[in-house]
Amino acid sequence: MHCWIYKSSRKQEMYLYLADQDGYDDLPEPLLQGFGKPSLVMNLELGSDRKLARVDAGQVLEALRVQGYFLQMPPDLEPDMDYGDRP
């Protein structure tokens, strides 16, 4: 399946995979508001055997087939932890 990958203008390392090149016009409004203006990064042929850096290609393919998009969230670089009182 061919897909197009866009990066978010609002959140670093957030990406949107689309089944249609300009399919972002049909996305839910809350998703578009949070994502910001999409900027095309690349397009590629995606198969279940393809290795992706941070997500499972099978999950992306399933989401593209079912809803037409897959939202890749940025990695959690600093977990929310209570470090307590430190001197």
C-alpha atoms as a PDB file:
ATOM      1  CA  MET A   1       0.000   0.000   0.000  1.00  0.00           C
ATOM      2  CA  HIS A   2       1.291   3.417  -0.872  1.00  0.00           C
ATOM      3  CA  CYS A   3       1.177   6.035   1.888  1.00  0.00           C
ATOM      4  CA  TRP A   4       2.137   9.639   2.473  1.00  0.00           C
ATOM      5  CA  ILE A   5       3.794  10.811   5.680  1.00  0.00           C
ATOM      6  CA  TYR A   6       3.354  14.328   7.053  1.00  0.00           C
ATOM      7  CA  LYS A   7       4.988  15.977  10.041  1.00  0.00           C
ATOM      8  CA  SER A   8       3.195  18.182  12.521  1.00  0.00           C
ATOM      9  CA  SER A   9       3.746  21.933  12.649  1.00  0.00           C
ATOM     10  CA  ARG A  10       2.784  21.928  16.340  1.00  0.00           C
ATOM     11  CA  LYS A  11       4.503  18.947  17.917  1.00  0.00           C
ATOM     12  CA  GLN A  12       8.016  17.753  17.175  1.00  0.00           C
ATOM     13  CA  GLU A  13       8.275  14.087  16.121  1.00  0.00           C
ATOM     14  CA  MET A  14       4.524  13.696  15.550  1.00  0.00           C
ATOM     15  CA  TYR A  15       3.726  12.180  12.155  1.00  0.00           C
ATOM     16  CA  LEU A  16       0.574  11.435  10.225  1.00  0.00           C
ATOM     17  CA  TYR A  17       0.475   8.534   7.741  1.00  0.00           C
ATOM     18  CA  LEU A  18      -2.241   8.877   5.096  1.00  0.00           C
ATOM     19  CA  ALA A  19      -3.684   6.411   2.599  1.00  0.00           C
ATOM     20  CA  ASP A  20      -4.470   9.297   0.193  1.00  0.00           C
ATOM     21  CA  GLN A  21      -1.984  12.041  -0.616  1.00  0.00           C
ATOM     22  CA  ASP A  22      -4.256  14.909   0.364  1.00  0.00           C
ATOM     23  CA  GLY A  23      -6.485  12.892   2.692  1.00  0.00           C
ATOM     24  CA  TYR A  24      -5.929  15.259   5.610  1.00  0.00           C
ATOM     25  CA  ASP A  25      -8.976  17.268   4.494  1.00  0.00           C
ATOM     26  CA  ASP A  26     -11.195  14.397   5.691  1.00  0.00           C
ATOM     27  CA  LEU A  27      -9.572  13.994   9.134  1.00  0.00           C
ATOM     28  CA  PRO A  28     -11.472  14.661  12.361  1.00  0.00           C
ATOM     29  CA  GLU A  29     -11.325  18.353  13.305  1.00  0.00           C
ATOM     30  CA  PRO A  30      -9.807  17.762  16.789  1.00  0.00           C
ATOM     31  CA  LEU A  31      -6.956  15.793  15.204  1.00  0.00           C
ATOM     32  CA  LEU A  32      -6.271  18.570  12.701  1.00  0.00           C
ATOM     33  CA  GLN A  33      -6.353  21.227  15.434  1.00  0.00           C
ATOM     34  CA  GLY A  34      -3.813  19.349  17.553  1.00  0.00           C
ATOM     35  CA  PHE A  35      -1.621  18.377  14.606  1.00  0.00           C
ATOM     36  CA  GLY A  36      -1.432  21.789  12.972  1.00  0.00           C
ATOM     37  CA  LYS A  37      -0.486  22.335   9.349  1.00  0.00           C
ATOM     38  CA  PRO A  38       0.705  19.062   7.788  1.00  0.00           C
ATOM     39  CA  SER A  39       4.015  19.201   5.923  1.00  0.00           C
ATOM     40  CA  LEU A  40       4.847  16.336   3.535  1.00  0.00           C
ATOM     41  CA  VAL A  41       7.976  14.463   4.590  1.00  0.00           C
ATOM     42  CA  MET A  42       7.915  11.483   2.225  1.00  0.00           C
ATOM     43  CA  ASN A  43       5.807   8.902   0.490  1.00  0.00           C
ATOM     44  CA  LEU A  44       6.567   5.216   0.408  1.00  0.00           C
ATOM     45  CA  GLU A  45       5.295   1.779  -0.437  1.00  0.00           C
ATOM     46  CA  LEU A  46       4.348   0.199   2.871  1.00  0.00           C
ATOM     47  CA  GLY A  47       4.136  -3.553   3.393  1.00  0.00           C
ATOM     48  CA  SER A  48       3.880  -5.567   6.599  1.00  0.00           C
ATOM     49  CA  ASP A  49       7.516  -6.639   6.168  1.00  0.00           C
ATOM     50  CA  ARG A  50       8.794  -3.041   5.992  1.00  0.00           C
ATOM     51  CA  LYS A  51      10.753  -1.835   9.019  1.00  0.00           C
ATOM     52  CA  LEU A  52       9.732   1.537  10.443  1.00  0.00           C
ATOM     53  CA  ALA A  53      11.699   3.393  13.102  1.00  0.00           C
ATOM     54  CA  ARG A  54       9.109   3.757  15.872  1.00  0.00           C
ATOM     55  CA  VAL A  55       5.955   1.933  14.867  1.00  0.00           C
ATOM     56  CA  ASP A  56       4.909  -1.487  13.666  1.00  0.00           C
ATOM     57  CA  ALA A  57       4.158  -1.461   9.930  1.00  0.00           C
ATOM     58  CA  GLY A  58       1.275  -3.896  10.458  1.00  0.00           C
ATOM     59  CA  GLN A  59      -0.445  -1.474  12.828  1.00  0.00           C
ATOM     60  CA  VAL A  60       0.015   1.378  10.367  1.00  0.00           C
ATOM     61  CA  LEU A  61      -1.370  -0.694   7.488  1.00  0.00           C
ATOM     62  CA  GLU A  62      -4.425  -1.745   9.509  1.00  0.00           C
ATOM     63  CA  ALA A  63      -5.174   1.854  10.525  1.00  0.00           C
ATOM     64  CA  LEU A  64      -4.752   3.043   6.927  1.00  0.00           C
ATOM     65  CA  ARG A  65      -7.195   0.384   5.689  1.00  0.00           C
ATOM     66  CA  VAL A  66      -9.781   1.003   8.420  1.00  0.00           C
ATOM     67  CA  GLN A  67      -9.701   4.773   8.959  1.00  0.00           C
ATOM     68  CA  GLY A  68      -7.442   6.136   6.218  1.00  0.00           C
ATOM     69  CA  TYR A  69      -4.778   7.483   8.587  1.00  0.00           C
ATOM     70  CA  PHE A  70      -2.359   6.566  11.369  1.00  0.00           C
ATOM     71  CA  LEU A  71      -1.106   9.101  13.914  1.00  0.00           C
ATOM     72  CA  GLN A  72       2.410   8.474  15.217  1.00  0.00           C
ATOM     73  CA  MET A  73       2.861  10.199  18.552  1.00  0.00           C
ATOM     74  CA  PRO A  74       6.250  11.574  19.622  1.00  0.00           C
ATOM     75  CA  PRO A  75       8.300   9.406  21.956  1.00  0.00           C
ATOM     76  CA  ASP A  76       8.029  10.171  25.647  1.00  0.00           C
ATOM     77  CA  LEU A  77      11.545  11.431  26.263  1.00  0.00           C
ATOM     78  CA  GLU A  78      11.026  12.286  29.938  1.00  0.00           C
ATOM     79  CA  PRO A  79       8.518  10.107  31.770  1.00  0.00           C
ATOM     80  CA  ASP A  80       6.198  11.815  34.224  1.00  0.00           C
ATOM     81  CA  MET A  81       7.733  10.771  37.524  1.00  0.00           C
ATOM     82  CA  ASP A  82       7.625  12.085  41.041  1.00  0.00           C
ATOM     83  CA  TYR A  83      11.237  12.429  42.116  1.00  0.00           C
ATOM     84  CA  GLY A  84      10.257  13.561  45.634  1.00  0.00           C
ATOM     85  CA  ASP A  85      12.141  16.188  47.583  1.00  0.00           C
ATOM     86  CA  ARG A  86      15.810  16.208  46.742  1.00  0.00           C
ATOM     87  CA  PRO A  87      18.391  18.228  48.628  1.00  0.00           C
END
